[in-house]
């Protein structure tokens, strides 16, 4: 909620949900982003959670959107789910390639096989 101008430009009052005497700024403050955080409407934690739910736990886009809306109160359109997963895939492409190159260059690959 932002400040409501009443009367002349210098006179201001608080909105209906603010305590008396408390006012907000005329404009929202600029949102500072950490270095490396891609621009967009969703932060890195929500983006990673969507990728985890959709990729690892195999929830459908509809199930992901429903869970995030019901549990966290974050409404998402169905098309947002694959778009966020693509962002995560793009962000992980370089580290994945680097790890694959490193592993392929090793003389020994220690792999254990377990029987269930």
C-alpha atoms as a PDB file:
ATOM      1  CA  UNK A   1       0.000   0.000   0.000  1.00  0.00           C
ATOM      2  CA  UNK A   2       1.285   3.434  -0.859  1.00  0.00           C
ATOM      3  CA  UNK A   3       0.729   6.911   0.406  1.00  0.00           C
ATOM      4  CA  UNK A   4      -2.514   8.625  -0.526  1.00  0.00           C
ATOM      5  CA  UNK A   5      -2.349  12.296  -1.455  1.00  0.00           C
ATOM      6  CA  UNK A   6      -5.139  14.422  -0.027  1.00  0.00           C
ATOM      7  CA  UNK A   7      -5.711  18.111  -0.667  1.00  0.00           C
ATOM      8  CA  UNK A   8      -2.557  19.880  -1.771  1.00  0.00           C
ATOM      9  CA  UNK A   9       0.581  17.923  -2.771  1.00  0.00           C
ATOM     10  CA  UNK A  10       2.289  18.426   0.598  1.00  0.00           C
ATOM     11  CA  UNK A  11      -0.599  17.038   2.664  1.00  0.00           C
ATOM     12  CA  UNK A  12      -0.682  13.245   3.103  1.00  0.00           C
ATOM     13  CA  UNK A  13      -2.575  10.709   5.148  1.00  0.00           C
ATOM     14  CA  UNK A  14      -2.166   7.013   5.814  1.00  0.00           C
ATOM     15  CA  UNK A  15      -4.134   4.414   3.871  1.00  0.00           C
ATOM     16  CA  UNK A  16      -6.924   2.331   5.459  1.00  0.00           C
ATOM     17  CA  UNK A  17      -4.633  -0.488   6.663  1.00  0.00           C
ATOM     18  CA  UNK A  18      -1.925   1.641   8.236  1.00  0.00           C
ATOM     19  CA  UNK A  19      -1.777   2.814  11.836  1.00  0.00           C
ATOM     20  CA  UNK A  20      -2.448   6.490  12.326  1.00  0.00           C
ATOM     21  CA  UNK A  21       0.585   8.606  11.615  1.00  0.00           C
ATOM     22  CA  UNK A  22       2.332   5.948   9.527  1.00  0.00           C
ATOM     23  CA  UNK A  23       2.703   6.573   5.798  1.00  0.00           C
ATOM     24  CA  UNK A  24       4.396   4.798   2.922  1.00  0.00           C
ATOM     25  CA  UNK A  25       6.553   6.191   0.157  1.00  0.00           C
ATOM     26  CA  UNK A  26       5.036   7.633  -2.996  1.00  0.00           C
ATOM     27  CA  UNK A  27       6.882   5.040  -5.105  1.00  0.00           C
ATOM     28  CA  UNK A  28       8.055   1.550  -4.247  1.00  0.00           C
ATOM     29  CA  UNK A  29      11.786   1.294  -3.530  1.00  0.00           C
ATOM     30  CA  UNK A  30      14.031  -0.244  -6.159  1.00  0.00           C
ATOM     31  CA  UNK A  31      14.521  -3.944  -5.535  1.00  0.00           C
ATOM     32  CA  UNK A  32      18.177  -4.816  -5.207  1.00  0.00           C
ATOM     33  CA  UNK A  33      19.180  -8.135  -6.739  1.00  0.00           C
ATOM     34  CA  UNK A  34      22.181 -10.162  -5.711  1.00  0.00           C
ATOM     35  CA  UNK A  35      24.859 -10.616  -8.316  1.00  0.00           C
ATOM     36  CA  UNK A  36      24.114 -13.572 -10.561  1.00  0.00           C
ATOM     37  CA  UNK A  37      20.363 -13.527  -9.952  1.00  0.00           C
ATOM     38  CA  UNK A  38      18.562 -13.507 -13.289  1.00  0.00           C
ATOM     39  CA  UNK A  39      15.954 -10.819 -13.894  1.00  0.00           C
ATOM     40  CA  UNK A  40      12.352 -11.862 -13.664  1.00  0.00           C
ATOM     41  CA  UNK A  41       9.373 -12.049 -11.402  1.00  0.00           C
ATOM     42  CA  UNK A  42      10.633 -15.004  -9.353  1.00  0.00           C
ATOM     43  CA  UNK A  43      13.701 -15.316  -7.178  1.00  0.00           C
ATOM     44  CA  UNK A  44      16.296 -18.073  -7.182  1.00  0.00           C
ATOM     45  CA  UNK A  45      14.736 -20.037  -4.303  1.00  0.00           C
ATOM     46  CA  UNK A  46      11.301 -20.321  -5.906  1.00  0.00           C
ATOM     47  CA  UNK A  47      12.880 -21.109  -9.282  1.00  0.00           C
ATOM     48  CA  UNK A  48      14.967 -23.897  -7.731  1.00  0.00           C
ATOM     49  CA  UNK A  49      11.938 -25.260  -5.852  1.00  0.00           C
ATOM     50  CA  UNK A  50       9.874 -25.410  -9.045  1.00  0.00           C
ATOM     51  CA  UNK A  51      12.693 -27.242 -10.850  1.00  0.00           C
ATOM     52  CA  UNK A  52      13.036 -29.699  -7.953  1.00  0.00           C
ATOM     53  CA  UNK A  53       9.314 -30.422  -7.772  1.00  0.00           C
ATOM     54  CA  UNK A  54       8.849 -30.722 -11.518  1.00  0.00           C
ATOM     55  CA  UNK A  55      12.156 -32.406 -12.396  1.00  0.00           C
ATOM     56  CA  UNK A  56      13.148 -34.609  -9.480  1.00  0.00           C
ATOM     57  CA  UNK A  57       9.780 -35.329  -7.866  1.00  0.00           C
ATOM     58  CA  UNK A  58       7.968 -35.512 -11.224  1.00  0.00           C
ATOM     59  CA  UNK A  59       5.027 -33.315 -10.288  1.00  0.00           C
ATOM     60  CA  UNK A  60       3.125 -32.126 -13.326  1.00  0.00           C
ATOM     61  CA  UNK A  61       2.987 -28.419 -14.112  1.00  0.00           C
ATOM     62  CA  UNK A  62      -0.599 -28.366 -12.833  1.00  0.00           C
ATOM     63  CA  UNK A  63       0.414 -30.120  -9.576  1.00  0.00           C
ATOM     64  CA  UNK A  64       3.368 -27.747  -9.074  1.00  0.00           C
ATOM     65  CA  UNK A  65       1.186 -24.696  -9.620  1.00  0.00           C
ATOM     66  CA  UNK A  66      -1.471 -26.049  -7.251  1.00  0.00           C
ATOM     67  CA  UNK A  67       1.052 -26.889  -4.522  1.00  0.00           C
ATOM     68  CA  UNK A  68       2.793 -23.515  -4.704  1.00  0.00           C
ATOM     69  CA  UNK A  69      -0.534 -21.702  -4.686  1.00  0.00           C
ATOM     70  CA  UNK A  70      -2.069 -23.661  -1.822  1.00  0.00           C
ATOM     71  CA  UNK A  71       0.967 -24.073   0.434  1.00  0.00           C
ATOM     72  CA  UNK A  72       2.971 -20.903  -0.225  1.00  0.00           C
ATOM     73  CA  UNK A  73       0.303 -18.576  -1.610  1.00  0.00           C
ATOM     74  CA  UNK A  74       2.263 -18.080  -4.842  1.00  0.00           C
ATOM     75  CA  UNK A  75      -0.084 -18.238  -7.829  1.00  0.00           C
ATOM     76  CA  UNK A  76       1.679 -19.442 -10.990  1.00  0.00           C
ATOM     77  CA  UNK A  77       0.386 -19.909 -14.510  1.00  0.00           C
ATOM     78  CA  UNK A  78       0.951 -23.371 -15.979  1.00  0.00           C
ATOM     79  CA  UNK A  79       3.345 -22.002 -18.605  1.00  0.00           C
ATOM     80  CA  UNK A  80       5.556 -20.551 -15.891  1.00  0.00           C
ATOM     81  CA  UNK A  81       6.604 -23.994 -14.622  1.00  0.00           C
ATOM     82  CA  UNK A  82       8.462 -25.151 -17.766  1.00  0.00           C
ATOM     83  CA  UNK A  83       9.868 -21.642 -18.266  1.00  0.00           C
ATOM     84  CA  UNK A  84      11.439 -21.714 -14.791  1.00  0.00           C
ATOM     85  CA  UNK A  85      12.760 -25.236 -15.403  1.00  0.00           C
ATOM     86  CA  UNK A  86      14.404 -24.021 -18.619  1.00  0.00           C
ATOM     87  CA  UNK A  87      16.077 -21.205 -16.657  1.00  0.00           C
ATOM     88  CA  UNK A  88      17.509 -23.746 -14.222  1.00  0.00           C
ATOM     89  CA  UNK A  89      18.675 -25.992 -17.072  1.00  0.00           C
ATOM     90  CA  UNK A  90      20.417 -23.061 -18.744  1.00  0.00           C
ATOM     91  CA  UNK A  91      22.065 -22.052 -15.452  1.00  0.00           C
ATOM     92  CA  UNK A  92      23.328 -25.610 -14.857  1.00  0.00           C
ATOM     93  CA  UNK A  93      24.608 -26.244 -18.393  1.00  0.00           C
ATOM     94  CA  UNK A  94      28.113 -24.835 -17.818  1.00  0.00           C
ATOM     95  CA  UNK A  95      28.730 -26.487 -14.398  1.00  0.00           C
ATOM     96  CA  UNK A  96      27.417 -29.795 -15.772  1.00  0.00           C
ATOM     97  CA  UNK A  97      29.771 -29.636 -18.761  1.00  0.00           C
ATOM     98  CA  UNK A  98      32.685 -28.779 -16.473  1.00  0.00           C
ATOM     99  CA  UNK A  99      31.923 -31.730 -14.162  1.00  0.00           C
ATOM    100  CA  UNK A 100      31.515 -34.112 -17.113  1.00  0.00           C
ATOM    101  CA  UNK A 101      34.864 -33.023 -18.568  1.00  0.00           C
ATOM    102  CA  UNK A 102      36.570 -33.493 -15.195  1.00  0.00           C
ATOM    103  CA  UNK A 103      35.114 -36.968 -14.638  1.00  0.00           C
ATOM    104  CA  UNK A 104      35.983 -38.136 -18.149  1.00  0.00           C
ATOM    105  CA  UNK A 105      39.584 -37.035 -17.619  1.00  0.00           C
ATOM    106  CA  UNK A 106      40.050 -39.148 -14.483  1.00  0.00           C
ATOM    107  CA  UNK A 107      41.937 -42.443 -14.626  1.00  0.00           C
ATOM    108  CA  UNK A 108      39.534 -44.202 -12.250  1.00  0.00           C
ATOM    109  CA  UNK A 109      35.792 -43.922 -11.802  1.00  0.00           C
ATOM    110  CA  UNK A 110      34.805 -45.243  -8.381  1.00  0.00           C
ATOM    111  CA  UNK A 111      31.319 -46.623  -8.861  1.00  0.00           C
ATOM    112  CA  UNK A 112      29.649 -48.998  -6.472  1.00  0.00           C
ATOM    113  CA  UNK A 113      26.864 -51.285  -7.522  1.00  0.00           C
ATOM    114  CA  UNK A 114      24.319 -52.171  -4.897  1.00  0.00           C
ATOM    115  CA  UNK A 115      21.744 -54.871  -5.273  1.00  0.00           C
ATOM    116  CA  UNK A 116      18.365 -54.332  -3.743  1.00  0.00           C
END
